[in-house]
Amino acid sequence: MDREATLRKACTWIEKAAGEGVGLVCFGETFAPAYPVWTCRTNGASFDDPDQKRAHALYLDQSVEIASHLDGVLECAADNKCAVVLGVAERDGHTIYCSRVMISAQGE
């Protein structure tokens, strides 16, 4: 659950794929910052649990604000002339949405 590290990892894969001639790279649901797998492996419904509150707070903190966190991926897509479909946990205030961002090979 490290947004910046995950987005750098996406750029590494975009560069590698583009180097092999790939024109479209797709990443799965909530690739950035991570899939909230802890909810399936812990008592994720226990909202008053301090551990759950800490995990959710970190997830909210590391979630993606599309207008401000994706500049590096946009640049990477343009530099490599590679379209990207990126699954993100999108933050809007205190709400998180599972979103899919489509980036053209021109980085738009």
C-alpha atoms as a PDB file:
ATOM      1  CA  MET A   1       0.000   0.000   0.000  1.00  0.00           C
ATOM      2  CA  ASP A   2       2.560   2.459  -1.235  1.00  0.00           C
ATOM      3  CA  ARG A   3       1.024   4.545  -4.029  1.00  0.00           C
ATOM      4  CA  GLU A   4       4.263   6.068  -5.317  1.00  0.00           C
ATOM      5  CA  ALA A   5       6.151   2.762  -5.337  1.00  0.00           C
ATOM      6  CA  THR A   6       3.244   1.032  -7.066  1.00  0.00           C
ATOM      7  CA  LEU A   7       2.999   3.703  -9.762  1.00  0.00           C
ATOM      8  CA  ARG A   8       6.771   3.479 -10.323  1.00  0.00           C
ATOM      9  CA  LYS A   9       6.352  -0.297 -10.689  1.00  0.00           C
ATOM     10  CA  ALA A  10       3.625   0.311 -13.299  1.00  0.00           C
ATOM     11  CA  CYS A  11       6.027   2.541 -15.247  1.00  0.00           C
ATOM     12  CA  THR A  12       8.691  -0.152 -15.129  1.00  0.00           C
ATOM     13  CA  TRP A  13       6.238  -2.651 -16.650  1.00  0.00           C
ATOM     14  CA  ILE A  14       5.041  -0.136 -19.253  1.00  0.00           C
ATOM     15  CA  GLU A  15       8.636   0.528 -20.338  1.00  0.00           C
ATOM     16  CA  LYS A  16       9.433  -3.184 -20.473  1.00  0.00           C
ATOM     17  CA  ALA A  17       6.289  -4.007 -22.462  1.00  0.00           C
ATOM     18  CA  ALA A  18       6.793  -1.124 -24.884  1.00  0.00           C
ATOM     19  CA  GLY A  19      10.359  -2.306 -25.422  1.00  0.00           C
ATOM     20  CA  GLU A  20       8.896  -5.612 -26.607  1.00  0.00           C
ATOM     21  CA  GLY A  21       6.601  -3.816 -29.051  1.00  0.00           C
ATOM     22  CA  VAL A  22       3.459  -3.900 -26.901  1.00  0.00           C
ATOM     23  CA  GLY A  23       1.053  -1.028 -27.571  1.00  0.00           C
ATOM     24  CA  LEU A  24      -1.396  -1.568 -24.695  1.00  0.00           C
ATOM     25  CA  VAL A  25      -0.635  -2.482 -21.089  1.00  0.00           C
ATOM     26  CA  CYS A  26      -3.451  -3.299 -18.650  1.00  0.00           C
ATOM     27  CA  PHE A  27      -3.266  -3.489 -14.871  1.00  0.00           C
ATOM     28  CA  GLY A  28      -5.875  -5.146 -12.688  1.00  0.00           C
ATOM     29  CA  GLU A  29      -8.484  -3.873 -10.288  1.00  0.00           C
ATOM     30  CA  THR A  30      -7.106  -1.440  -7.707  1.00  0.00           C
ATOM     31  CA  PHE A  31      -3.533  -2.121  -8.802  1.00  0.00           C
ATOM     32  CA  ALA A  32      -2.662   1.216  -7.252  1.00  0.00           C
ATOM     33  CA  PRO A  33      -2.177   1.442  -4.370  1.00  0.00           C
ATOM     34  CA  ALA A  34      -3.143  -2.230  -3.799  1.00  0.00           C
ATOM     35  CA  TYR A  35      -6.099  -4.568  -3.588  1.00  0.00           C
ATOM     36  CA  PRO A  36      -7.518  -4.462  -0.027  1.00  0.00           C
ATOM     37  CA  VAL A  37      -6.919  -8.164   0.513  1.00  0.00           C
ATOM     38  CA  TRP A  38      -6.774  -7.758   4.297  1.00  0.00           C
ATOM     39  CA  THR A  39     -10.584  -7.454   4.402  1.00  0.00           C
ATOM     40  CA  CYS A  40     -10.860 -11.075   3.232  1.00  0.00           C
ATOM     41  CA  ARG A  41      -8.175 -12.386   5.563  1.00  0.00           C
ATOM     42  CA  THR A  42      -9.141 -10.548   8.734  1.00  0.00           C
ATOM     43  CA  ASN A  43     -12.352  -9.524  10.369  1.00  0.00           C
ATOM     44  CA  GLY A  44     -12.704  -6.594   7.962  1.00  0.00           C
ATOM     45  CA  ALA A  45     -16.321  -5.982   8.935  1.00  0.00           C
ATOM     46  CA  SER A  46     -15.292  -5.094  12.510  1.00  0.00           C
ATOM     47  CA  PHE A  47     -15.287  -1.375  11.945  1.00  0.00           C
ATOM     48  CA  ASP A  48     -14.561  -0.537  15.594  1.00  0.00           C
ATOM     49  CA  ASP A  49     -11.422  -2.682  15.565  1.00  0.00           C
ATOM     50  CA  PRO A  50      -8.292  -0.470  15.892  1.00  0.00           C
ATOM     51  CA  ASP A  51      -6.301  -2.606  13.424  1.00  0.00           C
ATOM     52  CA  GLN A  52      -9.053  -2.315  10.791  1.00  0.00           C
ATOM     53  CA  LYS A  53      -9.250   1.437  11.315  1.00  0.00           C
ATOM     54  CA  ARG A  54      -5.483   1.776  10.826  1.00  0.00           C
ATOM     55  CA  ALA A  55      -5.550  -0.351   7.661  1.00  0.00           C
ATOM     56  CA  HIS A  56      -8.444   1.611   6.197  1.00  0.00           C
ATOM     57  CA  ALA A  57      -6.823   4.941   7.098  1.00  0.00           C
ATOM     58  CA  LEU A  58      -3.609   3.877   5.328  1.00  0.00           C
ATOM     59  CA  TYR A  59      -5.619   2.707   2.312  1.00  0.00           C
ATOM     60  CA  LEU A  60      -7.430   6.046   2.131  1.00  0.00           C
ATOM     61  CA  ASP A  61      -4.145   7.932   2.488  1.00  0.00           C
ATOM     62  CA  GLN A  62      -2.436   5.936  -0.268  1.00  0.00           C
ATOM     63  CA  SER A  63      -5.380   5.880  -2.687  1.00  0.00           C
ATOM     64  CA  VAL A  64      -5.118   7.748  -5.974  1.00  0.00           C
ATOM     65  CA  GLU A  65      -6.331  11.244  -6.720  1.00  0.00           C
ATOM     66  CA  ILE A  66      -6.477  11.063 -10.492  1.00  0.00           C
ATOM     67  CA  ALA A  67      -5.842  14.763 -11.102  1.00  0.00           C
ATOM     68  CA  SER A  68      -2.656  14.850  -9.040  1.00  0.00           C
ATOM     69  CA  HIS A  69      -1.056  11.417  -8.681  1.00  0.00           C
ATOM     70  CA  LEU A  70      -0.854  10.025 -12.217  1.00  0.00           C
ATOM     71  CA  ASP A  71       1.476  12.526 -13.920  1.00  0.00           C
ATOM     72  CA  GLY A  72       4.380  10.052 -13.946  1.00  0.00           C
ATOM     73  CA  VAL A  73       2.259   7.324 -15.557  1.00  0.00           C
ATOM     74  CA  LEU A  74       0.897   9.772 -18.151  1.00  0.00           C
ATOM     75  CA  GLU A  75       4.449  10.798 -19.025  1.00  0.00           C
ATOM     76  CA  CYS A  76       5.614   7.196 -19.149  1.00  0.00           C
ATOM     77  CA  ALA A  77       2.767   6.244 -21.500  1.00  0.00           C
ATOM     78  CA  ALA A  78       3.627   9.146 -23.826  1.00  0.00           C
ATOM     79  CA  ASP A  79       7.384   8.517 -23.707  1.00  0.00           C
ATOM     80  CA  ASN A  80       6.836   4.867 -24.607  1.00  0.00           C
ATOM     81  CA  LYS A  81       3.952   5.434 -27.048  1.00  0.00           C
ATOM     82  CA  CYS A  82       1.952   2.858 -25.130  1.00  0.00           C
ATOM     83  CA  ALA A  83      -1.698   3.032 -24.082  1.00  0.00           C
ATOM     84  CA  VAL A  84      -2.412   2.039 -20.483  1.00  0.00           C
ATOM     85  CA  VAL A  85      -5.455   0.788 -18.608  1.00  0.00           C
ATOM     86  CA  LEU A  86      -4.830   1.219 -14.904  1.00  0.00           C
ATOM     87  CA  GLY A  87      -7.042  -0.009 -12.086  1.00  0.00           C
ATOM     88  CA  VAL A  88      -6.937   2.345  -9.122  1.00  0.00           C
ATOM     89  CA  ALA A  89      -8.564   2.896  -5.777  1.00  0.00           C
ATOM     90  CA  GLU A  90      -9.631   6.469  -6.481  1.00  0.00           C
ATOM     91  CA  ARG A  91      -9.949   8.846  -3.553  1.00  0.00           C
ATOM     92  CA  ASP A  92     -12.546  11.585  -3.543  1.00  0.00           C
ATOM     93  CA  GLY A  93     -12.605  13.197  -0.134  1.00  0.00           C
ATOM     94  CA  HIS A  94     -13.231  10.364   2.325  1.00  0.00           C
ATOM     95  CA  THR A  95     -14.678   8.003  -0.265  1.00  0.00           C
ATOM     96  CA  ILE A  96     -12.777   5.411  -2.296  1.00  0.00           C
ATOM     97  CA  TYR A  97     -13.996   4.167  -5.671  1.00  0.00           C
ATOM     98  CA  CYS A  98     -12.690   1.256  -7.709  1.00  0.00           C
ATOM     99  CA  SER A  99     -11.918   3.035 -10.963  1.00  0.00           C
ATOM    100  CA  ARG A 100     -10.327   2.161 -14.248  1.00  0.00           C
ATOM    101  CA  VAL A 101      -8.213   4.884 -15.858  1.00  0.00           C
ATOM    102  CA  MET A 102      -7.608   4.728 -19.595  1.00  0.00           C
ATOM    103  CA  ILE A 103      -4.498   6.565 -20.820  1.00  0.00           C
ATOM    104  CA  SER A 104      -3.760   7.032 -24.496  1.00  0.00           C
ATOM    105  CA  ALA A 105      -0.368   6.397 -26.083  1.00  0.00           C
ATOM    106  CA  GLN A 106      -0.057  10.191 -26.138  1.00  0.00           C
ATOM    107  CA  GLY A 107      -0.308  10.301 -22.338  1.00  0.00           C
ATOM    108  CA  GLU A 108      -3.810  11.742 -22.179  1.00  0.00           C
END
